[in-house]
Amino acid sequence: MRPIRKRMVAAAAAGLMSVSFAAGVYADDWIQKVTAYLRSDFSVVVNGVPANLSNPVLIYDNNSYLPLKEIASRLSATVNWDEYKKTIYINNRIYPQQPDDPDDVVFDEIKLENPSAYMVRYLGGNYPVLINMGRGMYYRLKDVQQMGIDTKGLHKAKEKYTGELYVNETELQKAWKETPLLTYGEEMPLIAGEKDDFKIIALRGYVKDMSNYKIGDKYYYHNPIFIEKLEEENHYRYLVTENGTYYDIYLQLTELKKDYYVVGSYSKKLIGDLVPTPNY
């Protein structure tokens, strides 16, 4: 028996897709039935650390096939599957956590003007992104980094009131590998970072209840823009315009009983006046 060559072939987005034996699939010309072997006696070590994989090594034609997503995660890479394009994307994880920029970097100053939240399709993945669209399209830096775009050397801009960093689309075109596709989420505002359906229901209920309200003789009108989960559990930042002014409202969820949450605001920060978008 010939020795098994030491090369791994990418087989799937989330597992061993290269040999899928589901009934009825062989009618398609591009699918071929093969004979392969599972070797549970094989071990895998990644960068000196044993990898306890969810599936054993699969051997076909003297090549080793491994679960791509698990191996990629151990090599600081991400794997995305695009069903429409039938394409697997393997992307370097450039920013495991958002790094601080050097203190000596000089930034342009911008102000919030018509900020909008989008879901962005990029290299097979979907990412929530806040974009400032007043005087050109400025993508929020930390969102761009989560997409895996290397922003080193790109000119940045700092928002005057929040201090958050942004990158102009013209700059990003130097670094991205394909043009991102911008879409709105199914419901607005877009809620970033929260996966729990019950918490999302509570947050959307708060947005609906606070869309307009009255205190004394004064009416208040909310235009929701973006909600993002903060590091502290059950805490969120809510970007909104209220009567023509931008505010950050900080929200906290409290669980009254299992999967039933109420939402309260504990801080409200003025972050600038609403500025009309210029005509081009």
Foldseek 3Di string as FASTA:
>chain_A
DDAQDPDEDEADLFWRNNADDDPPPVVDPVHDHFDKDFDQVDWDADPNHTQPDPGGWIDDPSHTYTRVQSNLVSVQWHWAAAPVVRDIFIAHLPPPDDDDDDPPADAAEDAAAPKAWWFKQARRDTFIWIWRPFPATWTFPRRVSRSVWDCPPAHWYAYDQPRTITGGPVSSVVTGPDDIDTDQDPDPPDEPDDDDPLLVVQVVVVCVVVCWDDDDHDIKHKDWHYWYDDPPPQKIWTWIDIPFFTKTWIKGWDDPDPSHTHIDTDDIGTRGGHDHRDDD
